[in-house]
Amino acid sequence: MSSAPQAGAYRAERAILELGGDFYDPVEAADFPQTILRFRNQSWAETVGLGGLSDEEWLRHFGRFEPLPDTLEQPLALRYHGHQFRVYNPDIGDGRGFLYAQLRDGADRLLDLGTKGSGQTPYSRFGDGRLTLKGGVREVLATEMLEALGVETSKTFSLIETGEALERNDEPSPTRSAVLVRLQHSHIRIGTFQRLAFFGEKENLARLTDYCLRHYYGEEGGPDAPQRLLAHVADATARLAASYIAAGFVHGVLNSDNIAITAESFDYGPWRWTPYCDGHFPAAYFDHAGLNAFGRQPEAIHWDLVQLAASLGAIAEPDMLMPALER
């Protein structure tokens, strides 16, 4: 998503419901002890017609997750798989977040409001579904700087401290908790397609392909829909990789569940800026092989794109998909 356009009217959407219940699970947000506003993205709130909310209303919607008018009546935890550091993981999904609402901006783009740290879901495994306040602040810093540098990135829409003490193994504990809301063109990931291919759900794979073409690339489906979608994603991910190198940014976890089908940068855990042009500079302390080091980010993103092609190969001839990978 580029810089915020002019203020717009509130236009609620619920397009995700077109896909049906095979793609998500209805969930409920955690009941937090407190809701203390720490960050409010007023410019983007005005863009989607929510700039007039009082702080009290803001806390109700983005801390207590009272539904916004005419959009999703209940939050949805999205289902997906993905490769994490090149190892396939079928046990992931929205484990501490959910899709809260969908909106359209003045350019008629379908936008998602999704959460991080909003509580447990069927995919939490052994996690508490929470986010540290420090982690939320780091995401604010990443998205604000990347937007200023012209990188296509999700926007941190809201950050609210929630009054819980969290225990973490990799940082001083107990630590303060928060819930974050991000505004993004799409929360559908390459890993969403991988899950459907893993289970052999060809009809759902075709339905998702047509949905993404229609809502994110302005095209209708057809026999060549997989090839066209892959070509669009190839172009968009190439721009994403180039923008990371131009900005000197290291994402740290470029797994296939962290690559959106619209190729926006999102989900900022470990990240850093390289102090000088060092292709081996890593962001994640646990990336021992340097798979997502600064200079290897184009390779990592292209590797994820190949996984999308492999998934689409369940509904298209693989030979027809190759030209998009070679773009």
C-alpha atoms as a PDB file:
ATOM      1  CA  MET A   1       0.000   0.000   0.000  1.00  0.00           C
ATOM      2  CA  SER A   2       1.422   3.326  -1.036  1.00  0.00           C
ATOM      3  CA  SER A   3       1.186   6.561   0.936  1.00  0.00           C
ATOM      4  CA  ALA A   4      -2.256   7.444   2.233  1.00  0.00           C
ATOM      5  CA  PRO A   5      -4.592   9.079  -0.323  1.00  0.00           C
ATOM      6  CA  GLN A   6      -7.084  11.749   0.666  1.00  0.00           C
ATOM      7  CA  ALA A   7      -9.669  11.182   3.364  1.00  0.00           C
ATOM      8  CA  GLY A   8     -12.526   8.980   2.289  1.00  0.00           C
ATOM      9  CA  ALA A   9     -15.927   7.783   3.397  1.00  0.00           C
ATOM     10  CA  TYR A  10     -16.446   4.650   5.454  1.00  0.00           C
ATOM     11  CA  ARG A  11     -17.199   1.779   3.052  1.00  0.00           C
ATOM     12  CA  ALA A  12     -17.623  -1.543   4.800  1.00  0.00           C
ATOM     13  CA  GLU A  13     -16.961  -4.853   3.034  1.00  0.00           C
ATOM     14  CA  ARG A  14     -17.234  -8.562   3.779  1.00  0.00           C
ATOM     15  CA  ALA A  15     -15.842 -10.049   0.576  1.00  0.00           C
ATOM     16  CA  ILE A  16     -13.956 -12.797   2.433  1.00  0.00           C
ATOM     17  CA  LEU A  17     -17.300 -14.483   3.139  1.00  0.00           C
ATOM     18  CA  GLU A  18     -17.548 -15.310  -0.585  1.00  0.00           C
ATOM     19  CA  LEU A  19     -14.908 -17.979  -0.037  1.00  0.00           C
ATOM     20  CA  GLY A  20     -16.892 -19.910   2.566  1.00  0.00           C
ATOM     21  CA  GLY A  21     -16.106 -21.684   5.785  1.00  0.00           C
ATOM     22  CA  ASP A  22     -13.279 -23.832   4.412  1.00  0.00           C
ATOM     23  CA  PHE A  23     -10.964 -20.823   4.594  1.00  0.00           C
ATOM     24  CA  TYR A  24     -11.386 -19.573   8.163  1.00  0.00           C
ATOM     25  CA  ASP A  25     -12.708 -20.223  11.669  1.00  0.00           C
ATOM     26  CA  PRO A  26     -14.892 -17.789  13.647  1.00  0.00           C
ATOM     27  CA  VAL A  27     -13.142 -16.812  16.893  1.00  0.00           C
ATOM     28  CA  GLU A  28     -13.473 -14.393  19.799  1.00  0.00           C
ATOM     29  CA  ALA A  29     -10.996 -11.807  21.018  1.00  0.00           C
ATOM     30  CA  ALA A  30      -9.405 -12.101  24.435  1.00  0.00           C
ATOM     31  CA  ASP A  31     -10.967 -10.118  27.262  1.00  0.00           C
ATOM     32  CA  PHE A  32      -8.093  -7.864  28.289  1.00  0.00           C
ATOM     33  CA  PRO A  33      -7.757  -6.375  31.799  1.00  0.00           C
ATOM     34  CA  GLN A  34      -7.054  -2.903  30.374  1.00  0.00           C
ATOM     35  CA  THR A  35      -7.106  -0.985  27.111  1.00  0.00           C
ATOM     36  CA  ILE A  36      -4.629   1.922  27.032  1.00  0.00           C
ATOM     37  CA  LEU A  37      -4.175   3.647  23.676  1.00  0.00           C
ATOM     38  CA  ARG A  38      -0.494   3.824  22.682  1.00  0.00           C
ATOM     39  CA  PHE A  39      -0.658   4.502  18.913  1.00  0.00           C
ATOM     40  CA  ARG A  40      -3.431   5.654  16.603  1.00  0.00           C
ATOM     41  CA  ASN A  41      -2.775   6.036  12.862  1.00  0.00           C
ATOM     42  CA  GLN A  42      -4.990   9.033  12.241  1.00  0.00           C
ATOM     43  CA  SER A  43      -3.993   9.596   8.598  1.00  0.00           C
ATOM     44  CA  TRP A  44      -4.986   6.086   7.553  1.00  0.00           C
ATOM     45  CA  ALA A  45      -8.059   6.161   9.802  1.00  0.00           C
ATOM     46  CA  GLU A  46      -9.247   9.181   7.835  1.00  0.00           C
ATOM     47  CA  THR A  47      -8.480   7.395   4.573  1.00  0.00           C
ATOM     48  CA  VAL A  48     -10.937   4.598   5.401  1.00  0.00           C
ATOM     49  CA  GLY A  49     -13.558   6.830   7.015  1.00  0.00           C
ATOM     50  CA  LEU A  50     -12.740   6.048  10.658  1.00  0.00           C
ATOM     51  CA  GLY A  51     -10.932   9.266  11.533  1.00  0.00           C
ATOM     52  CA  GLY A  52     -13.929  10.630  13.409  1.00  0.00           C
ATOM     53  CA  LEU A  53     -13.913   7.924  16.076  1.00  0.00           C
ATOM     54  CA  SER A  54     -13.379   9.219  19.591  1.00  0.00           C
ATOM     55  CA  ASP A  55     -10.612   7.583  21.614  1.00  0.00           C
ATOM     56  CA  GLU A  56     -13.292   5.776  23.621  1.00  0.00           C
ATOM     57  CA  GLU A  57     -14.847   4.378  20.434  1.00  0.00           C
ATOM     58  CA  TRP A  58     -11.383   3.494  19.140  1.00  0.00           C
ATOM     59  CA  LEU A  59     -10.688   1.424  22.270  1.00  0.00           C
ATOM     60  CA  ARG A  60     -14.028  -0.366  21.940  1.00  0.00           C
ATOM     61  CA  HIS A  61     -13.365  -1.345  18.339  1.00  0.00           C
ATOM     62  CA  PHE A  62      -9.621  -2.022  18.386  1.00  0.00           C
ATOM     63  CA  GLY A  63      -9.133  -3.112  22.005  1.00  0.00           C
ATOM     64  CA  ARG A  64     -12.447  -4.865  22.744  1.00  0.00           C
ATOM     65  CA  PHE A  65     -13.195  -5.652  19.077  1.00  0.00           C
ATOM     66  CA  GLU A  66     -16.771  -4.514  19.066  1.00  0.00           C
ATOM     67  CA  PRO A  67     -17.774  -5.075  15.385  1.00  0.00           C
ATOM     68  CA  LEU A  68     -17.565  -2.157  13.007  1.00  0.00           C
ATOM     69  CA  PRO A  69     -20.857  -1.423  11.200  1.00  0.00           C
ATOM     70  CA  ASP A  70     -21.815  -3.569   8.187  1.00  0.00           C
ATOM     71  CA  THR A  71     -18.630  -5.626   8.001  1.00  0.00           C
ATOM     72  CA  LEU A  72     -17.711  -8.928   9.680  1.00  0.00           C
ATOM     73  CA  GLU A  73     -19.992  -9.800  12.582  1.00  0.00           C
ATOM     74  CA  GLN A  74     -17.342 -12.034  14.157  1.00  0.00           C
ATOM     75  CA  PRO A  75     -13.542 -12.174  13.770  1.00  0.00           C
ATOM     76  CA  LEU A  76     -12.162 -14.885  11.485  1.00  0.00           C
ATOM     77  CA  ALA A  77      -8.901 -16.793  12.046  1.00  0.00           C
ATOM     78  CA  LEU A  78      -7.562 -17.562   8.573  1.00  0.00           C
ATOM     79  CA  ARG A  79      -6.313 -21.036   7.717  1.00  0.00           C
ATOM     80  CA  TYR A  80      -2.927 -21.483   6.056  1.00  0.00           C
ATOM     81  CA  HIS A  81       0.245 -23.573   5.995  1.00  0.00           C
ATOM     82  CA  GLY A  82       3.712 -22.534   4.908  1.00  0.00           C
ATOM     83  CA  HIS A  83       7.421 -23.169   4.667  1.00  0.00           C
ATOM     84  CA  GLN A  84       9.319 -21.750   7.644  1.00  0.00           C
ATOM     85  CA  PHE A  85      13.036 -21.514   6.873  1.00  0.00           C
ATOM     86  CA  ARG A  86      12.433 -23.960   3.981  1.00  0.00           C
ATOM     87  CA  VAL A  87      10.731 -26.574   6.199  1.00  0.00           C
ATOM     88  CA  TYR A  88       7.054 -27.228   5.523  1.00  0.00           C
ATOM     89  CA  ASN A  89       4.787 -26.652   8.524  1.00  0.00           C
ATOM     90  CA  PRO A  90       1.145 -27.828   8.332  1.00  0.00           C
ATOM     91  CA  ASP A  91       0.421 -26.794  11.923  1.00  0.00           C
ATOM     92  CA  ILE A  92       0.196 -23.033  11.549  1.00  0.00           C
ATOM     93  CA  GLY A  93      -2.558 -20.523  10.797  1.00  0.00           C
ATOM     94  CA  ASP A  94      -3.725 -17.361  12.528  1.00  0.00           C
ATOM     95  CA  GLY A  95      -2.457 -18.334  15.973  1.00  0.00           C
ATOM     96  CA  ARG A  96      -2.544 -14.936  17.704  1.00  0.00           C
ATOM     97  CA  GLY A  97      -4.514 -12.838  15.277  1.00  0.00           C
ATOM     98  CA  PHE A  98      -7.623 -12.726  13.135  1.00  0.00           C
ATOM     99  CA  LEU A  99      -9.303 -10.830  10.319  1.00  0.00           C
ATOM    100  CA  TYR A 100     -11.429  -8.244  12.121  1.00  0.00           C
ATOM    101  CA  ALA A 101     -12.989  -6.225   9.297  1.00  0.00           C
ATOM    102  CA  GLN A 102     -12.791  -5.401   5.590  1.00  0.00           C
ATOM    103  CA  LEU A 103     -13.131  -1.925   4.083  1.00  0.00           C
ATOM    104  CA  ARG A 104     -12.639  -0.095   0.795  1.00  0.00           C
ATOM    105  CA  ASP A 105     -10.672   3.090   0.383  1.00  0.00           C
ATOM    106  CA  GLY A 106     -11.247   5.960  -2.032  1.00  0.00           C
ATOM    107  CA  ALA A 107      -9.346   4.102  -4.770  1.00  0.00           C
ATOM    108  CA  ASP A 108     -11.826   1.192  -4.372  1.00  0.00           C
ATOM    109  CA  ARG A 109      -9.138  -1.126  -2.990  1.00  0.00           C
ATOM    110  CA  LEU A 110     -10.288  -3.925  -0.732  1.00  0.00           C
ATOM    111  CA  LEU A 111      -8.440  -3.569   2.585  1.00  0.00           C
ATOM    112  CA  ASP A 112      -8.206  -5.827   5.638  1.00  0.00           C
ATOM    113  CA  LEU A 113      -7.999  -4.899   9.289  1.00  0.00           C
ATOM    114  CA  GLY A 114      -6.160  -7.769  10.967  1.00  0.00           C
ATOM    115  CA  THR A 115      -4.830  -8.230  14.479  1.00  0.00           C
ATOM    116  CA  LYS A 116      -1.722  -9.417  16.269  1.00  0.00           C
ATOM    117  CA  GLY A 117      -1.897 -10.408  19.930  1.00  0.00           C
ATOM    118  CA  SER A 118      -5.707 -10.634  20.119  1.00  0.00           C
ATOM    119  CA  GLY A 119      -5.850 -14.009  21.878  1.00  0.00           C
ATOM    120  CA  GLN A 120      -5.810 -17.726  21.238  1.00  0.00           C
ATOM    121  CA  THR A 121      -7.351 -19.406  18.192  1.00  0.00           C
ATOM    122  CA  PRO A 122      -7.532 -23.040  16.989  1.00  0.00           C
ATOM    123  CA  TYR A 123      -3.996 -22.488  15.582  1.00  0.00           C
ATOM    124  CA  SER A 124      -2.292 -21.153  18.713  1.00  0.00           C
ATOM    125  CA  ARG A 125      -0.746 -24.541  19.521  1.00  0.00           C
ATOM    126  CA  PHE A 126       1.063 -23.938  22.813  1.00  0.00           C
ATOM    127  CA  GLY A 127       1.178 -20.138  22.485  1.00  0.00           C
ATOM    128  CA  ASP A 128      -0.726 -17.652  24.622  1.00  0.00           C
ATOM    129  CA  GLY A 129      -1.997 -15.673  21.622  1.00  0.00           C
ATOM    130  CA  ARG A 130      -0.550 -12.455  23.031  1.00  0.00           C
ATOM    131  CA  LEU A 131       1.867  -9.764  21.831  1.00  0.00           C
ATOM    132  CA  THR A 132       4.447  -7.904  23.907  1.00  0.00           C
ATOM    133  CA  LEU A 133       4.208  -4.134  23.957  1.00  0.00           C
ATOM    134  CA  LYS A 134       7.840  -4.037  22.854  1.00  0.00           C
ATOM    135  CA  GLY A 135       6.980  -6.194  19.836  1.00  0.00           C
ATOM    136  CA  GLY A 136       4.102  -3.875  18.972  1.00  0.00           C
ATOM    137  CA  VAL A 137       6.288  -0.775  19.186  1.00  0.00           C
ATOM    138  CA  ARG A 138       8.861  -2.440  16.936  1.00  0.00           C
ATOM    139  CA  GLU A 139       6.149  -3.046  14.336  1.00  0.00           C
ATOM    140  CA  VAL A 140       5.097   0.608  14.511  1.00  0.00           C
ATOM    141  CA  LEU A 141       8.704   1.679  13.955  1.00  0.00           C
ATOM    142  CA  ALA A 142       9.170  -0.715  11.015  1.00  0.00           C
ATOM    143  CA  THR A 143       5.978   0.191   9.185  1.00  0.00           C
ATOM    144  CA  GLU A 144       6.313   3.943   9.670  1.00  0.00           C
ATOM    145  CA  MET A 145       9.912   3.990   8.419  1.00  0.00           C
ATOM    146  CA  LEU A 146       9.220   1.668   5.487  1.00  0.00           C
ATOM    147  CA  GLU A 147       6.228   3.748   4.416  1.00  0.00           C
ATOM    148  CA  ALA A 148       8.406   6.864   4.533  1.00  0.00           C
ATOM    149  CA  LEU A 149      10.983   5.086   2.328  1.00  0.00           C
ATOM    150  CA  GLY A 150       8.341   4.102  -0.239  1.00  0.00           C
ATOM    151  CA  VAL A 151       8.231   0.380   0.503  1.00  0.00           C
ATOM    152  CA  GLU A 152       4.880  -1.341  -0.068  1.00  0.00           C
ATOM    153  CA  THR A 153       4.049  -2.248   3.513  1.00  0.00           C
ATOM    154  CA  SER A 154       1.159  -2.945   5.813  1.00  0.00           C
ATOM    155  CA  LYS A 155       0.267  -0.021   8.077  1.00  0.00           C
ATOM    156  CA  THR A 156       0.176  -0.202  11.833  1.00  0.00           C
ATOM    157  CA  PHE A 157      -3.347   1.086  12.419  1.00  0.00           C
ATOM    158  CA  SER A 158      -3.573   0.812  16.200  1.00  0.00           C
ATOM    159  CA  LEU A 159      -1.544  -0.278  19.217  1.00  0.00           C
ATOM    160  CA  ILE A 160      -3.232  -0.699  22.586  1.00  0.00           C
ATOM    161  CA  GLU A 161      -1.592  -1.794  25.822  1.00  0.00           C
ATOM    162  CA  THR A 162      -3.657  -4.529  27.482  1.00  0.00           C
ATOM    163  CA  GLY A 163      -2.469  -4.778  31.084  1.00  0.00           C
ATOM    164  CA  GLU A 164      -1.168  -8.350  31.202  1.00  0.00           C
ATOM    165  CA  ALA A 165       2.279  -9.564  32.277  1.00  0.00           C
ATOM    166  CA  LEU A 166       3.744 -11.912  29.671  1.00  0.00           C
ATOM    167  CA  GLU A 167       6.488 -14.492  30.086  1.00  0.00           C
ATOM    168  CA  ARG A 168       8.897 -14.875  27.172  1.00  0.00           C
ATOM    169  CA  ASN A 169      11.973 -17.085  26.943  1.00  0.00           C
ATOM    170  CA  ASP A 170      13.979 -14.764  24.684  1.00  0.00           C
ATOM    171  CA  GLU A 171      13.610 -11.446  26.527  1.00  0.00           C
ATOM    172  CA  PRO A 172      13.373 -10.118  30.098  1.00  0.00           C
ATOM    173  CA  SER A 173      10.094 -11.211  31.706  1.00  0.00           C
ATOM    174  CA  PRO A 174       7.494 -10.489  32.823  1.00  0.00           C
ATOM    175  CA  THR A 175       6.942  -7.922  30.103  1.00  0.00           C
ATOM    176  CA  ARG A 176       4.021  -5.673  29.155  1.00  0.00           C
ATOM    177  CA  SER A 177       1.344  -6.811  26.689  1.00  0.00           C
ATOM    178  CA  ALA A 178      -0.453  -5.167  23.781  1.00  0.00           C
ATOM    179  CA  VAL A 179      -2.794  -5.820  20.880  1.00  0.00           C
ATOM    180  CA  LEU A 180      -1.972  -4.445  17.433  1.00  0.00           C
ATOM    181  CA  VAL A 181      -4.230  -3.851  14.435  1.00  0.00           C
ATOM    182  CA  ARG A 182      -2.699  -3.622  10.966  1.00  0.00           C
ATOM    183  CA  LEU A 183      -4.274  -2.276   7.791  1.00  0.00           C
ATOM    184  CA  GLN A 184      -3.297  -4.268   4.734  1.00  0.00           C
ATOM    185  CA  HIS A 185      -4.438  -4.855   1.173  1.00  0.00           C
ATOM    186  CA  SER A 186      -4.733  -8.589   1.850  1.00  0.00           C
ATOM    187  CA  HIS A 187      -3.954 -11.111   4.580  1.00  0.00           C
ATOM    188  CA  ILE A 188      -4.144 -13.990   2.087  1.00  0.00           C
ATOM    189  CA  ARG A 189      -0.698 -15.536   1.862  1.00  0.00           C
ATOM    190  CA  ILE A 190       1.218 -17.904  -0.360  1.00  0.00           C
ATOM    191  CA  GLY A 191       0.740 -20.320   2.539  1.00  0.00           C
ATOM    192  CA  THR A 192      -3.047 -20.079   2.068  1.00  0.00           C
ATOM    193  CA  PHE A 193      -2.627 -21.661  -1.372  1.00  0.00           C
ATOM    194  CA  GLN A 194      -0.167 -24.204   0.002  1.00  0.00           C
ATOM    195  CA  ARG A 195      -2.692 -25.486   2.514  1.00  0.00           C
ATOM    196  CA  LEU A 196      -5.308 -26.103  -0.163  1.00  0.00           C
ATOM    197  CA  ALA A 197      -2.779 -27.905  -2.365  1.00  0.00           C
ATOM    198  CA  PHE A 198      -1.626 -29.982   0.631  1.00  0.00           C
ATOM    199  CA  PHE A 199      -5.183 -31.270   1.161  1.00  0.00           C
ATOM    200  CA  GLY A 200      -5.908 -31.634  -2.568  1.00  0.00           C
ATOM    201  CA  GLU A 201      -8.761 -29.102  -2.447  1.00  0.00           C
ATOM    202  CA  LYS A 202      -8.719 -28.204  -6.145  1.00  0.00           C
ATOM    203  CA  GLU A 203     -12.122 -26.503  -6.211  1.00  0.00           C
ATOM    204  CA  ASN A 204     -11.180 -24.273  -3.290  1.00  0.00           C
ATOM    205  CA  LEU A 205      -7.810 -23.556  -4.901  1.00  0.00           C
ATOM    206  CA  ALA A 206      -9.578 -22.406  -8.073  1.00  0.00           C
ATOM    207  CA  ARG A 207     -12.052 -20.367  -5.998  1.00  0.00           C
ATOM    208  CA  LEU A 208      -9.232 -18.631  -4.128  1.00  0.00           C
ATOM    209  CA  THR A 209      -7.371 -17.915  -7.372  1.00  0.00           C
ATOM    210  CA  ASP A 210     -10.433 -16.260  -8.897  1.00  0.00           C
ATOM    211  CA  TYR A 211     -11.095 -14.312  -5.676  1.00  0.00           C
ATOM    212  CA  CYS A 212      -7.559 -12.895  -5.626  1.00  0.00           C
ATOM    213  CA  LEU A 213      -7.605 -11.978  -9.304  1.00  0.00           C
ATOM    214  CA  ARG A 214     -10.957 -10.212  -8.966  1.00  0.00           C
ATOM    215  CA  HIS A 215     -10.405  -8.322  -5.727  1.00  0.00           C
ATOM    216  CA  TYR A 216      -6.677  -7.530  -5.885  1.00  0.00           C
ATOM    217  CA  TYR A 217      -5.785  -7.405  -9.573  1.00  0.00           C
ATOM    218  CA  GLY A 218      -9.082  -6.342 -11.191  1.00  0.00           C
ATOM    219  CA  GLU A 219      -9.432  -9.354 -13.485  1.00  0.00           C
ATOM    220  CA  GLU A 220     -11.994 -12.113 -13.818  1.00  0.00           C
ATOM    221  CA  GLY A 221     -11.116 -15.792 -13.688  1.00  0.00           C
ATOM    222  CA  GLY A 222     -10.887 -18.195 -16.599  1.00  0.00           C
ATOM    223  CA  PRO A 223      -8.883 -21.185 -17.809  1.00  0.00           C
ATOM    224  CA  ASP A 224      -5.637 -19.211 -17.567  1.00  0.00           C
ATOM    225  CA  ALA A 225      -6.388 -17.715 -14.132  1.00  0.00           C
ATOM    226  CA  PRO A 226      -3.497 -19.497 -12.339  1.00  0.00           C
ATOM    227  CA  GLN A 227      -0.954 -18.261 -14.888  1.00  0.00           C
ATOM    228  CA  ARG A 228      -2.219 -14.688 -14.711  1.00  0.00           C
ATOM    229  CA  LEU A 229      -2.287 -14.637 -10.910  1.00  0.00           C
ATOM    230  CA  LEU A 230       1.242 -16.031 -10.712  1.00  0.00           C
ATOM    231  CA  ALA A 231       2.477 -13.411 -13.186  1.00  0.00           C
ATOM    232  CA  HIS A 232       0.952 -10.602 -11.100  1.00  0.00           C
ATOM    233  CA  VAL A 233       2.470 -11.961  -7.888  1.00  0.00           C
ATOM    234  CA  ALA A 234       5.851 -12.426  -9.601  1.00  0.00           C
ATOM    235  CA  ASP A 235       5.919  -8.771 -10.627  1.00  0.00           C
ATOM    236  CA  ALA A 236       4.770  -7.570  -7.205  1.00  0.00           C
ATOM    237  CA  THR A 237       7.228  -9.705  -5.253  1.00  0.00           C
ATOM    238  CA  ALA A 238      10.082  -8.567  -7.497  1.00  0.00           C
ATOM    239  CA  ARG A 239       9.237  -4.963  -6.581  1.00  0.00           C
ATOM    240  CA  LEU A 240       9.096  -5.949  -2.911  1.00  0.00           C
ATOM    241  CA  ALA A 241      12.534  -7.575  -3.028  1.00  0.00           C
ATOM    242  CA  ALA A 242      14.030  -4.609  -4.864  1.00  0.00           C
ATOM    243  CA  SER A 243      12.537  -2.170  -2.358  1.00  0.00           C
ATOM    244  CA  TYR A 244      14.121  -4.040   0.560  1.00  0.00           C
ATOM    245  CA  ILE A 245      17.538  -3.768  -1.073  1.00  0.00           C
ATOM    246  CA  ALA A 246      17.033  -0.098  -1.945  1.00  0.00           C
ATOM    247  CA  ALA A 247      15.951   0.678   1.628  1.00  0.00           C
ATOM    248  CA  GLY A 248      18.701  -1.380   3.264  1.00  0.00           C
ATOM    249  CA  PHE A 249      16.026  -3.328   5.159  1.00  0.00           C
ATOM    250  CA  VAL A 250      16.280  -6.913   6.410  1.00  0.00           C
ATOM    251  CA  HIS A 251      12.922  -8.531   7.132  1.00  0.00           C
ATOM    252  CA  GLY A 252      14.269 -11.594   8.909  1.00  0.00           C
ATOM    253  CA  VAL A 253      11.449 -14.116   8.389  1.00  0.00           C
ATOM    254  CA  LEU A 254      10.555 -14.270   4.703  1.00  0.00           C
ATOM    255  CA  ASN A 255       8.680 -17.545   5.047  1.00  0.00           C
ATOM    256  CA  SER A 256       5.878 -18.413   2.627  1.00  0.00           C
ATOM    257  CA  ASP A 257       3.288 -17.716   5.327  1.00  0.00           C
ATOM    258  CA  ASN A 258       4.690 -14.164   5.545  1.00  0.00           C
ATOM    259  CA  ILE A 259       4.365 -13.324   1.841  1.00  0.00           C
ATOM    260  CA  ALA A 260       0.974 -11.790   1.047  1.00  0.00           C
ATOM    261  CA  ILE A 261      -0.616 -12.520  -2.317  1.00  0.00           C
ATOM    262  CA  THR A 262      -0.507  -8.747  -2.919  1.00  0.00           C
ATOM    263  CA  ALA A 263       3.221  -8.759  -2.022  1.00  0.00           C
ATOM    264  CA  GLU A 264       3.072  -6.120   0.674  1.00  0.00           C
ATOM    265  CA  SER A 265       5.664  -6.392   3.382  1.00  0.00           C
ATOM    266  CA  PHE A 266       4.074  -7.387   6.688  1.00  0.00           C
ATOM    267  CA  ASP A 267       4.435  -9.255   9.988  1.00  0.00           C
ATOM    268  CA  TYR A 268       7.487  -7.680  11.575  1.00  0.00           C
ATOM    269  CA  GLY A 269       9.146  -9.893  14.151  1.00  0.00           C
ATOM    270  CA  PRO A 270      12.933  -9.705  13.837  1.00  0.00           C
ATOM    271  CA  TRP A 271      14.033  -6.923  11.470  1.00  0.00           C
ATOM    272  CA  ARG A 272      16.974  -4.558  11.113  1.00  0.00           C
ATOM    273  CA  TRP A 273      18.499  -2.017   8.756  1.00  0.00           C
ATOM    274  CA  THR A 274      21.945  -2.966   7.523  1.00  0.00           C
ATOM    275  CA  PRO A 275      24.484  -0.264   8.531  1.00  0.00           C
ATOM    276  CA  TYR A 276      26.351  -0.753   5.256  1.00  0.00           C
ATOM    277  CA  CYS A 277      25.954  -2.935   2.154  1.00  0.00           C
ATOM    278  CA  ASP A 278      26.621  -6.355   3.646  1.00  0.00           C
ATOM    279  CA  GLY A 279      24.883  -9.195   1.849  1.00  0.00           C
ATOM    280  CA  HIS A 280      25.422 -11.532   4.808  1.00  0.00           C
ATOM    281  CA  PHE A 281      23.837  -9.207   7.380  1.00  0.00           C
ATOM    282  CA  PRO A 282      20.988 -11.059   9.194  1.00  0.00           C
ATOM    283  CA  ALA A 283      18.033  -9.814  11.196  1.00  0.00           C
ATOM    284  CA  ALA A 284      16.981 -12.927  13.127  1.00  0.00           C
ATOM    285  CA  TYR A 285      19.378 -14.349  15.702  1.00  0.00           C
ATOM    286  CA  PHE A 286      17.978 -17.823  14.951  1.00  0.00           C
ATOM    287  CA  ASP A 287      18.627 -17.612  11.180  1.00  0.00           C
ATOM    288  CA  HIS A 288      21.902 -19.493  11.534  1.00  0.00           C
ATOM    289  CA  ALA A 289      22.107 -20.373   7.812  1.00  0.00           C
ATOM    290  CA  GLY A 290      21.493 -16.773   6.740  1.00  0.00           C
ATOM    291  CA  LEU A 291      18.543 -17.770   4.523  1.00  0.00           C
ATOM    292  CA  ASN A 292      16.981 -14.324   4.951  1.00  0.00           C
ATOM    293  CA  ALA A 293      20.162 -12.259   5.192  1.00  0.00           C
ATOM    294  CA  PHE A 294      20.115  -8.839   3.508  1.00  0.00           C
ATOM    295  CA  GLY A 295      21.599  -9.930   0.179  1.00  0.00           C
ATOM    296  CA  ARG A 296      19.606 -13.179  -0.002  1.00  0.00           C
ATOM    297  CA  GLN A 297      16.156 -11.609   0.312  1.00  0.00           C
ATOM    298  CA  PRO A 298      15.424 -11.667  -3.444  1.00  0.00           C
ATOM    299  CA  GLU A 299      16.352 -15.353  -3.496  1.00  0.00           C
ATOM    300  CA  ALA A 300      14.185 -16.054  -0.432  1.00  0.00           C
ATOM    301  CA  ILE A 301      11.164 -14.272  -1.897  1.00  0.00           C
ATOM    302  CA  HIS A 302      11.602 -16.010  -5.265  1.00  0.00           C
ATOM    303  CA  TRP A 303      11.816 -19.363  -3.453  1.00  0.00           C
ATOM    304  CA  ASP A 304       8.447 -18.585  -1.867  1.00  0.00           C
ATOM    305  CA  LEU A 305       7.073 -17.657  -5.289  1.00  0.00           C
ATOM    306  CA  VAL A 306       8.109 -21.111  -6.534  1.00  0.00           C
ATOM    307  CA  GLN A 307       6.012 -22.594  -3.713  1.00  0.00           C
ATOM    308  CA  LEU A 308       3.007 -20.637  -4.985  1.00  0.00           C
ATOM    309  CA  ALA A 309       3.660 -22.018  -8.471  1.00  0.00           C
ATOM    310  CA  ALA A 310       3.873 -25.534  -7.064  1.00  0.00           C
ATOM    311  CA  SER A 311       0.522 -25.052  -5.346  1.00  0.00           C
ATOM    312  CA  LEU A 312      -1.124 -23.644  -8.467  1.00  0.00           C
ATOM    313  CA  GLY A 313       0.281 -26.632 -10.353  1.00  0.00           C
ATOM    314  CA  ALA A 314      -2.585 -28.622  -8.829  1.00  0.00           C
ATOM    315  CA  ILE A 315      -5.034 -26.738 -11.107  1.00  0.00           C
ATOM    316  CA  ALA A 316      -2.789 -25.742 -14.037  1.00  0.00           C
ATOM    317  CA  GLU A 317      -0.216 -27.378 -16.270  1.00  0.00           C
ATOM    318  CA  PRO A 318       3.193 -26.725 -14.669  1.00  0.00           C
ATOM    319  CA  ASP A 319       4.721 -25.869 -18.061  1.00  0.00           C
ATOM    320  CA  MET A 320       2.223 -23.035 -18.385  1.00  0.00           C
ATOM    321  CA  LEU A 321       3.391 -21.553 -15.076  1.00  0.00           C
ATOM    322  CA  MET A 322       7.099 -21.483 -15.836  1.00  0.00           C
ATOM    323  CA  PRO A 323       7.141 -18.228 -17.850  1.00  0.00           C
ATOM    324  CA  ALA A 324       5.870 -16.286 -14.820  1.00  0.00           C
ATOM    325  CA  LEU A 325       8.744 -17.617 -12.687  1.00  0.00           C
ATOM    326  CA  GLU A 326      11.256 -16.514 -15.304  1.00  0.00           C
ATOM    327  CA  ARG A 327       9.978 -12.921 -15.499  1.00  0.00           C
END
